[in-house]
Amino acid sequence: MDFDVVIVGAGLAGLTLARHLRREVPGVRVGLVDAGALPVDRGRSKVGESATEASSWYLAERLGLRDLLDPRLRTALERATSA
C-alpha cells in the first residue's frame, strides 16, 4: 500500500486530521495506524468542556460534520458564531 501521509493514532486528533487532509487535498492517500482495537473507546474522543464552541465550529465548518453534531453542540455553535 502506498500513502501520501500516514497518521499514527486514530483517536480524535488523528481522525480529524485525516478528514481535514482529505477535504483540503483531494486525492491524497491517507493511512491511519493505531495500536488499539476497533471500535475506538469513547474516552479517546472526549473533548474538554472549555473547548466545546471551538471544537464544534471546527467539526461543523472545517470538517463538514454539522449534521452529525449533537443538537446541544449545534446550539452552542450557533450562539458562539452569532455574536
Protein backbone atom coordinates (compact mmCIF):
# COMPACT_ATOMS: atom_id res chain seq x y z
CA MET A 1 0.00 0.00 0.00
CA ASP A 2 1.19 3.49 -0.84
CA PHE A 3 0.16 6.55 1.17
CA ASP A 4 0.99 10.21 0.80
CA VAL A 5 0.54 10.71 4.55
CA VAL A 6 0.50 8.23 7.43
CA ILE A 7 -1.10 9.36 10.69
CA VAL A 8 -0.14 7.50 13.84
CA GLY A 9 -3.08 7.35 16.24
CA ALA A 10 -6.75 7.01 15.33
CA GLY A 11 -8.08 8.99 18.27
CA LEU A 12 -9.94 12.28 17.88
CA ALA A 13 -6.89 14.22 16.71
CA GLY A 14 -5.77 11.60 14.18
CA LEU A 15 -9.24 11.09 12.71
CA THR A 16 -9.98 14.80 12.39
CA LEU A 17 -6.57 15.39 10.79
CA ALA A 18 -7.27 12.62 8.28
CA ARG A 19 -10.67 14.10 7.40
CA HIS A 20 -9.20 17.61 7.16
CA LEU A 21 -6.47 16.44 4.79
CA ARG A 22 -8.95 14.57 2.61
CA ARG A 23 -11.14 17.70 2.32
CA GLU A 24 -8.25 20.11 1.66
CA VAL A 25 -6.13 17.93 -0.64
CA PRO A 26 -8.41 15.98 -2.99
CA GLY A 27 -6.96 12.62 -3.93
CA VAL A 28 -4.48 12.49 -1.04
CA ARG A 29 -3.92 8.94 0.18
CA VAL A 30 -4.09 8.89 3.98
CA GLY A 31 -3.20 5.89 6.11
CA LEU A 32 -4.16 5.61 9.78
CA VAL A 33 -2.13 3.42 12.13
CA ASP A 34 -3.31 2.69 15.64
CA ALA A 35 -2.32 0.12 18.23
CA GLY A 36 -5.81 -0.04 19.72
CA ALA A 37 -8.69 -2.26 18.75
CA LEU A 38 -11.80 -1.09 16.94
CA PRO A 39 -14.24 0.28 17.79
CA VAL A 40 -12.31 3.07 19.49
CA ASP A 41 -13.01 3.60 23.20
CA ARG A 42 -15.35 6.58 23.75
CA GLY A 43 -12.91 8.08 26.25
CA ARG A 44 -10.38 8.70 23.49
CA SER A 45 -12.76 11.05 21.70
CA LYS A 46 -13.80 13.16 24.69
CA VAL A 47 -13.26 16.89 24.29
CA GLY A 48 -12.95 19.16 27.33
CA GLU A 49 -15.86 21.46 28.09
CA SER A 50 -13.75 24.59 27.67
CA ALA A 51 -13.23 23.72 24.01
CA THR A 52 -16.87 22.99 23.14
CA GLU A 53 -17.56 26.03 20.93
CA ALA A 54 -14.20 25.95 19.16
CA SER A 55 -14.44 22.21 18.64
CA SER A 56 -18.00 22.50 17.37
CA TRP A 57 -17.01 25.17 14.86
CA TYR A 58 -14.06 23.13 13.59
CA LEU A 59 -16.09 19.94 13.25
CA ALA A 60 -19.04 21.71 11.63
CA GLU A 61 -17.32 24.19 9.33
CA ARG A 62 -13.87 22.82 8.54
CA LEU A 63 -14.75 19.12 8.50
CA GLY A 64 -18.33 19.41 7.21
CA LEU A 65 -19.87 17.42 10.06
CA ARG A 66 -22.57 19.87 11.21
CA ASP A 67 -25.43 17.40 10.66
CA LEU A 68 -23.67 14.80 12.82
CA LEU A 69 -23.16 17.04 15.85
CA ASP A 70 -25.24 16.54 18.96
CA PRO A 71 -28.04 19.16 18.96
CA ARG A 72 -26.58 20.71 22.14
CA LEU A 73 -23.27 21.33 20.34
CA ARG A 74 -25.08 22.81 17.35
CA THR A 75 -26.85 25.22 19.72
CA ALA A 76 -23.53 26.21 21.37
CA LEU A 77 -22.02 26.70 17.92
CA GLU A 78 -24.88 28.93 16.78
CA ARG A 79 -24.56 31.05 19.95
CA ALA A 80 -20.81 31.40 19.55
CA THR A 81 -20.90 32.32 15.86
CA SER A 82 -23.85 34.76 16.06
CA ALA A 83 -22.10 37.17 18.43
